[in-house]
Amino acid sequence: MKNSSIDTHMGSIAINQDVIAQYAGSVAVECFGIVGMTVANVRDGLVRILKFDSLSKGINVSFSANHKLILDFHVIVAYGVSIVAVADNLIGNVKYKVEQFTGLEVEKINIFVEGVRVID
């Protein structure tokens, strides 16, 4: 993965995209209505929930032409909740916390709902 760098008066700070993805994933699973992160296995149509230590596989981090973050989330939502409300909550929380954590501006957050689960 590519590193993002921030130049300061004392030098340069490089942030690996995996670190951003792991942090964004940990913020996302704390949001109301998110059951978990997933990687869609297009080959056989199966979707599985990722364990906490591999949350970054459910997130794609890229940079726009003007060096702002673009985050793609693949999530499973809880049955019976409004997907729009869950998405708004996820976008707000992730945007704020990732910008505070990295010092980089988030330009866009794309959410791909890969499934719905009933939670016990």
N, C-alpha and C. Protein backbone atom coordinates (compact mmCIF):
# COMPACT_ATOMS: atom_id res chain seq x y z
N MET A 1 0.83 -1.18 0.00
CA MET A 1 0.00 0.00 0.00
C MET A 1 0.88 1.25 0.00
N LYS A 2 0.28 2.32 -0.42
CA LYS A 2 0.96 3.58 -0.54
C LYS A 2 0.96 4.32 0.79
N ASN A 3 2.00 5.09 1.03
CA ASN A 3 2.08 5.92 2.21
C ASN A 3 1.62 7.33 1.88
N SER A 4 1.01 7.97 2.84
CA SER A 4 0.68 9.38 2.72
C SER A 4 1.65 10.13 3.60
N SER A 5 2.12 11.27 3.14
CA SER A 5 3.06 12.01 3.96
C SER A 5 2.55 13.42 4.21
N ILE A 6 2.87 13.90 5.40
CA ILE A 6 2.53 15.25 5.83
C ILE A 6 3.84 15.94 6.16
N ASP A 7 4.07 17.08 5.55
CA ASP A 7 5.29 17.84 5.84
C ASP A 7 5.00 18.85 6.93
N THR A 8 5.85 18.85 7.96
CA THR A 8 5.75 19.80 9.06
C THR A 8 7.05 20.59 9.13
N HIS A 9 7.09 21.55 10.03
CA HIS A 9 8.31 22.35 10.20
C HIS A 9 9.47 21.53 10.77
N MET A 10 9.17 20.37 11.36
CA MET A 10 10.22 19.52 11.94
C MET A 10 10.58 18.33 11.06
N GLY A 11 9.88 18.14 9.95
CA GLY A 11 10.17 17.02 9.08
C GLY A 11 8.91 16.48 8.43
N SER A 12 8.99 15.24 7.97
CA SER A 12 7.89 14.61 7.26
C SER A 12 7.33 13.45 8.07
N ILE A 13 6.02 13.29 8.03
CA ILE A 13 5.34 12.18 8.71
C ILE A 13 4.69 11.32 7.64
N ALA A 14 5.02 10.03 7.60
CA ALA A 14 4.44 9.10 6.63
C ALA A 14 3.43 8.20 7.33
N ILE A 15 2.23 8.10 6.75
CA ILE A 15 1.17 7.26 7.31
C ILE A 15 0.81 6.20 6.27
N ASN A 16 0.98 4.94 6.64
CA ASN A 16 0.64 3.83 5.75
C ASN A 16 -0.87 3.71 5.63
N GLN A 17 -1.35 3.39 4.45
CA GLN A 17 -2.80 3.27 4.23
C GLN A 17 -3.41 2.14 5.05
N ASP A 18 -2.64 1.10 5.37
CA ASP A 18 -3.15 0.02 6.22
C ASP A 18 -3.50 0.53 7.61
N VAL A 19 -2.72 1.47 8.12
CA VAL A 19 -2.98 2.04 9.43
C VAL A 19 -4.29 2.84 9.41
N ILE A 20 -4.48 3.61 8.36
CA ILE A 20 -5.71 4.38 8.22
C ILE A 20 -6.90 3.43 8.11
N ALA A 21 -6.77 2.37 7.33
CA ALA A 21 -7.85 1.40 7.15
C ALA A 21 -8.18 0.69 8.47
N GLN A 22 -7.17 0.30 9.23
CA GLN A 22 -7.41 -0.39 10.50
C GLN A 22 -8.12 0.53 11.49
N TYR A 23 -7.69 1.78 11.55
CA TYR A 23 -8.33 2.73 12.46
C TYR A 23 -9.77 3.01 12.03
N ALA A 24 -9.98 3.25 10.74
CA ALA A 24 -11.32 3.52 10.23
C ALA A 24 -12.24 2.32 10.48
N GLY A 25 -11.72 1.11 10.34
CA GLY A 25 -12.51 -0.09 10.60
C GLY A 25 -12.91 -0.21 12.06
N SER A 26 -12.00 0.12 12.97
CA SER A 26 -12.33 0.05 14.39
C SER A 26 -13.39 1.09 14.76
N VAL A 27 -13.34 2.26 14.11
CA VAL A 27 -14.37 3.28 14.34
C VAL A 27 -15.70 2.81 13.78
N ALA A 28 -15.68 2.20 12.60
CA ALA A 28 -16.91 1.78 11.92
C ALA A 28 -17.66 0.72 12.71
N VAL A 29 -16.98 -0.27 13.27
CA VAL A 29 -17.69 -1.34 13.98
C VAL A 29 -18.29 -0.86 15.29
N GLU A 30 -17.89 0.32 15.76
CA GLU A 30 -18.49 0.90 16.96
C GLU A 30 -19.78 1.64 16.66
N CYS A 31 -20.06 1.90 15.39
CA CYS A 31 -21.24 2.67 15.00
C CYS A 31 -22.51 1.84 15.15
N PHE A 32 -23.59 2.51 15.51
CA PHE A 32 -24.89 1.87 15.66
C PHE A 32 -25.34 1.27 14.33
N GLY A 33 -25.80 0.03 14.37
CA GLY A 33 -26.36 -0.62 13.19
C GLY A 33 -25.36 -1.39 12.35
N ILE A 34 -24.08 -1.26 12.63
CA ILE A 34 -23.06 -2.00 11.89
C ILE A 34 -22.80 -3.31 12.62
N VAL A 35 -23.05 -4.42 11.94
CA VAL A 35 -22.80 -5.74 12.53
C VAL A 35 -21.33 -6.10 12.37
N GLY A 36 -20.74 -5.75 11.24
CA GLY A 36 -19.34 -6.05 11.00
C GLY A 36 -18.89 -5.58 9.63
N MET A 37 -17.60 -5.76 9.40
CA MET A 37 -17.00 -5.45 8.11
C MET A 37 -16.89 -6.75 7.34
N THR A 38 -16.87 -6.66 6.03
CA THR A 38 -16.80 -7.85 5.21
C THR A 38 -16.00 -7.61 3.94
N VAL A 39 -15.51 -8.69 3.40
CA VAL A 39 -14.93 -8.67 2.06
C VAL A 39 -15.86 -9.52 1.21
N ALA A 40 -16.37 -8.96 0.15
CA ALA A 40 -17.27 -9.71 -0.72
C ALA A 40 -16.43 -10.64 -1.59
N ASN A 41 -16.68 -11.92 -1.49
CA ASN A 41 -15.98 -12.91 -2.31
C ASN A 41 -16.82 -13.14 -3.55
N VAL A 42 -16.50 -12.39 -4.58
CA VAL A 42 -17.30 -12.40 -5.81
C VAL A 42 -17.26 -13.77 -6.48
N ARG A 43 -16.17 -14.48 -6.31
CA ARG A 43 -16.00 -15.77 -6.98
C ARG A 43 -17.12 -16.74 -6.67
N ASP A 44 -17.46 -16.91 -5.39
CA ASP A 44 -18.54 -17.85 -5.07
C ASP A 44 -19.72 -17.17 -4.36
N GLY A 45 -19.77 -15.85 -4.37
CA GLY A 45 -20.92 -15.14 -3.86
C GLY A 45 -21.09 -15.18 -2.35
N LEU A 46 -20.04 -15.55 -1.61
CA LEU A 46 -20.14 -15.63 -0.16
C LEU A 46 -19.64 -14.35 0.49
N VAL A 47 -20.31 -13.96 1.55
CA VAL A 47 -19.91 -12.80 2.33
C VAL A 47 -19.67 -13.28 3.75
N ARG A 48 -18.53 -12.90 4.33
CA ARG A 48 -18.24 -13.32 5.71
C ARG A 48 -17.81 -12.11 6.52
N ILE A 49 -18.12 -12.15 7.80
CA ILE A 49 -17.75 -11.06 8.70
C ILE A 49 -16.28 -11.23 9.08
N LEU A 50 -15.55 -10.12 9.00
CA LEU A 50 -14.12 -10.15 9.34
C LEU A 50 -13.94 -10.06 10.85
N LYS A 51 -12.90 -10.72 11.34
CA LYS A 51 -12.54 -10.61 12.74
C LYS A 51 -11.89 -9.25 12.98
N PHE A 52 -11.82 -8.84 14.23
CA PHE A 52 -11.32 -7.50 14.56
C PHE A 52 -9.91 -7.24 14.05
N ASP A 53 -9.06 -8.26 14.03
CA ASP A 53 -7.67 -8.05 13.61
C ASP A 53 -7.51 -7.94 12.10
N SER A 54 -8.55 -8.18 11.32
CA SER A 54 -8.44 -8.06 9.86
C SER A 54 -9.49 -7.11 9.28
N LEU A 55 -9.90 -6.12 10.06
CA LEU A 55 -10.91 -5.17 9.60
C LEU A 55 -10.45 -4.37 8.38
N SER A 56 -9.16 -4.17 8.24
CA SER A 56 -8.67 -3.35 7.14
C SER A 56 -8.93 -3.97 5.77
N LYS A 57 -9.22 -5.28 5.73
CA LYS A 57 -9.52 -5.93 4.45
C LYS A 57 -10.89 -5.52 3.92
N GLY A 58 -11.75 -4.99 4.76
CA GLY A 58 -13.06 -4.55 4.35
C GLY A 58 -13.12 -3.08 3.96
N ILE A 59 -11.94 -2.44 3.95
CA ILE A 59 -11.87 -1.01 3.65
C ILE A 59 -10.80 -0.77 2.60
N ASN A 60 -11.15 0.05 1.62
CA ASN A 60 -10.17 0.46 0.62
C ASN A 60 -9.86 1.94 0.84
N VAL A 61 -8.58 2.25 1.02
CA VAL A 61 -8.15 3.63 1.23
C VAL A 61 -7.41 4.08 -0.02
N SER A 62 -7.83 5.22 -0.56
CA SER A 62 -7.14 5.80 -1.71
C SER A 62 -7.10 7.30 -1.54
N PHE A 63 -6.38 7.94 -2.45
CA PHE A 63 -6.25 9.39 -2.39
C PHE A 63 -6.76 10.00 -3.68
N SER A 64 -7.42 11.14 -3.55
CA SER A 64 -7.91 11.87 -4.72
C SER A 64 -6.75 12.65 -5.33
N ALA A 65 -7.02 13.30 -6.45
CA ALA A 65 -5.99 14.07 -7.14
C ALA A 65 -5.46 15.21 -6.27
N ASN A 66 -6.28 15.72 -5.36
CA ASN A 66 -5.85 16.81 -4.49
C ASN A 66 -5.41 16.32 -3.11
N HIS A 67 -4.98 15.06 -3.01
CA HIS A 67 -4.38 14.45 -1.81
C HIS A 67 -5.32 14.39 -0.61
N LYS A 68 -6.60 14.14 -0.87
CA LYS A 68 -7.57 13.93 0.20
C LYS A 68 -7.96 12.45 0.21
N LEU A 69 -8.36 11.96 1.37
CA LEU A 69 -8.70 10.55 1.53
C LEU A 69 -10.04 10.19 0.91
N ILE A 70 -10.09 9.02 0.30
CA ILE A 70 -11.34 8.41 -0.16
C ILE A 70 -11.39 7.02 0.49
N LEU A 71 -12.46 6.76 1.23
CA LEU A 71 -12.62 5.51 1.96
C LEU A 71 -13.81 4.74 1.43
N ASP A 72 -13.61 3.45 1.11
CA ASP A 72 -14.68 2.56 0.68
C ASP A 72 -14.88 1.49 1.76
N PHE A 73 -16.09 1.41 2.30
CA PHE A 73 -16.42 0.44 3.35
C PHE A 73 -17.33 -0.64 2.79
N HIS A 74 -17.05 -1.89 3.14
CA HIS A 74 -17.93 -3.02 2.83
C HIS A 74 -18.45 -3.52 4.17
N VAL A 75 -19.76 -3.31 4.42
CA VAL A 75 -20.31 -3.57 5.74
C VAL A 75 -21.52 -4.50 5.68
N ILE A 76 -21.83 -5.05 6.85
CA ILE A 76 -23.07 -5.79 7.07
C ILE A 76 -23.83 -5.00 8.12
N VAL A 77 -25.09 -4.70 7.85
CA VAL A 77 -25.91 -3.91 8.77
C VAL A 77 -26.88 -4.80 9.52
N ALA A 78 -27.36 -4.28 10.63
CA ALA A 78 -28.32 -5.01 11.45
C ALA A 78 -29.70 -4.97 10.81
N TYR A 79 -30.42 -6.06 10.93
CA TYR A 79 -31.78 -6.15 10.40
C TYR A 79 -32.70 -5.21 11.17
N GLY A 80 -33.56 -4.51 10.46
CA GLY A 80 -34.57 -3.68 11.10
C GLY A 80 -34.17 -2.24 11.34
N VAL A 81 -32.95 -1.86 11.00
CA VAL A 81 -32.54 -0.46 11.16
C VAL A 81 -32.52 0.22 9.80
N SER A 82 -32.66 1.52 9.82
CA SER A 82 -32.63 2.29 8.58
C SER A 82 -31.21 2.33 8.03
N ILE A 83 -31.03 1.86 6.80
CA ILE A 83 -29.70 1.86 6.19
C ILE A 83 -29.20 3.28 6.01
N VAL A 84 -30.10 4.20 5.69
CA VAL A 84 -29.70 5.60 5.52
C VAL A 84 -29.19 6.18 6.85
N ALA A 85 -29.88 5.87 7.95
CA ALA A 85 -29.46 6.36 9.26
C ALA A 85 -28.11 5.76 9.66
N VAL A 86 -27.93 4.48 9.39
CA VAL A 86 -26.66 3.82 9.70
C VAL A 86 -25.53 4.43 8.87
N ALA A 87 -25.79 4.66 7.59
CA ALA A 87 -24.78 5.24 6.71
C ALA A 87 -24.41 6.66 7.14
N ASP A 88 -25.40 7.47 7.48
CA ASP A 88 -25.13 8.84 7.95
C ASP A 88 -24.30 8.82 9.22
N ASN A 89 -24.64 7.94 10.15
CA ASN A 89 -23.91 7.80 11.40
C ASN A 89 -22.47 7.38 11.13
N LEU A 90 -22.29 6.39 10.26
CA LEU A 90 -20.96 5.89 9.91
C LEU A 90 -20.12 6.99 9.27
N ILE A 91 -20.69 7.69 8.31
CA ILE A 91 -19.96 8.75 7.63
C ILE A 91 -19.53 9.85 8.60
N GLY A 92 -20.45 10.28 9.44
CA GLY A 92 -20.13 11.35 10.40
C GLY A 92 -19.04 10.96 11.37
N ASN A 93 -19.17 9.77 11.97
CA ASN A 93 -18.18 9.32 12.96
C ASN A 93 -16.82 9.08 12.33
N VAL A 94 -16.79 8.38 11.21
CA VAL A 94 -15.52 8.04 10.57
C VAL A 94 -14.82 9.30 10.07
N LYS A 95 -15.56 10.18 9.43
CA LYS A 95 -14.96 11.41 8.90
C LYS A 95 -14.31 12.22 10.02
N TYR A 96 -15.03 12.43 11.09
CA TYR A 96 -14.50 13.22 12.20
C TYR A 96 -13.27 12.55 12.83
N LYS A 97 -13.40 11.28 13.19
CA LYS A 97 -12.32 10.61 13.92
C LYS A 97 -11.09 10.37 13.06
N VAL A 98 -11.26 10.02 11.78
CA VAL A 98 -10.10 9.80 10.91
C VAL A 98 -9.37 11.12 10.65
N GLU A 99 -10.11 12.20 10.46
CA GLU A 99 -9.47 13.50 10.26
C GLU A 99 -8.70 13.93 11.50
N GLN A 100 -9.26 13.68 12.69
CA GLN A 100 -8.57 14.02 13.92
C GLN A 100 -7.33 13.14 14.12
N PHE A 101 -7.44 11.87 13.78
CA PHE A 101 -6.35 10.90 13.98
C PHE A 101 -5.19 11.14 13.02
N THR A 102 -5.48 11.40 11.76
CA THR A 102 -4.43 11.49 10.74
C THR A 102 -4.01 12.90 10.39
N GLY A 103 -4.88 13.87 10.57
CA GLY A 103 -4.58 15.22 10.12
C GLY A 103 -4.84 15.41 8.64
N LEU A 104 -5.38 14.36 7.98
CA LEU A 104 -5.70 14.42 6.56
C LEU A 104 -7.20 14.65 6.38
N GLU A 105 -7.59 15.35 5.33
CA GLU A 105 -9.00 15.61 5.08
C GLU A 105 -9.63 14.43 4.33
N VAL A 106 -10.81 14.04 4.76
CA VAL A 106 -11.56 12.98 4.08
C VAL A 106 -12.46 13.65 3.05
N GLU A 107 -12.27 13.30 1.79
CA GLU A 107 -13.08 13.88 0.72
C GLU A 107 -14.38 13.12 0.52
N LYS A 108 -14.30 11.77 0.55
CA LYS A 108 -15.47 10.97 0.21
C LYS A 108 -15.42 9.65 0.98
N ILE A 109 -16.61 9.21 1.42
CA ILE A 109 -16.76 7.90 2.05
C ILE A 109 -17.85 7.16 1.30
N ASN A 110 -17.50 6.03 0.69
CA ASN A 110 -18.45 5.19 -0.03
C ASN A 110 -18.77 3.98 0.84
N ILE A 111 -20.05 3.67 0.97
CA ILE A 111 -20.47 2.54 1.79
C ILE A 111 -21.17 1.53 0.89
N PHE A 112 -20.69 0.29 0.94
CA PHE A 112 -21.28 -0.81 0.18
C PHE A 112 -21.88 -1.78 1.20
N VAL A 113 -23.21 -1.85 1.23
CA VAL A 113 -23.89 -2.77 2.15
C VAL A 113 -23.90 -4.14 1.48
N GLU A 114 -23.15 -5.07 2.04
CA GLU A 114 -22.98 -6.40 1.47
C GLU A 114 -23.96 -7.42 2.02
N GLY A 115 -24.65 -7.05 3.12
CA GLY A 115 -25.60 -7.99 3.69
C GLY A 115 -26.32 -7.41 4.89
N VAL A 116 -27.33 -8.14 5.33
CA VAL A 116 -28.13 -7.77 6.51
C VAL A 116 -28.15 -8.97 7.44
N ARG A 117 -27.95 -8.73 8.73
CA ARG A 117 -27.95 -9.81 9.72
C ARG A 117 -28.87 -9.49 10.87
N VAL A 118 -29.50 -10.51 11.39
CA VAL A 118 -30.29 -10.38 12.60
C VAL A 118 -29.31 -10.53 13.76
N ILE A 119 -29.32 -9.56 14.67
CA ILE A 119 -28.45 -9.67 15.84
C ILE A 119 -29.26 -10.16 17.02
N ASP A 120 -28.63 -11.02 17.81
CA ASP A 120 -29.32 -11.65 18.95
C ASP A 120 -29.48 -10.73 20.10
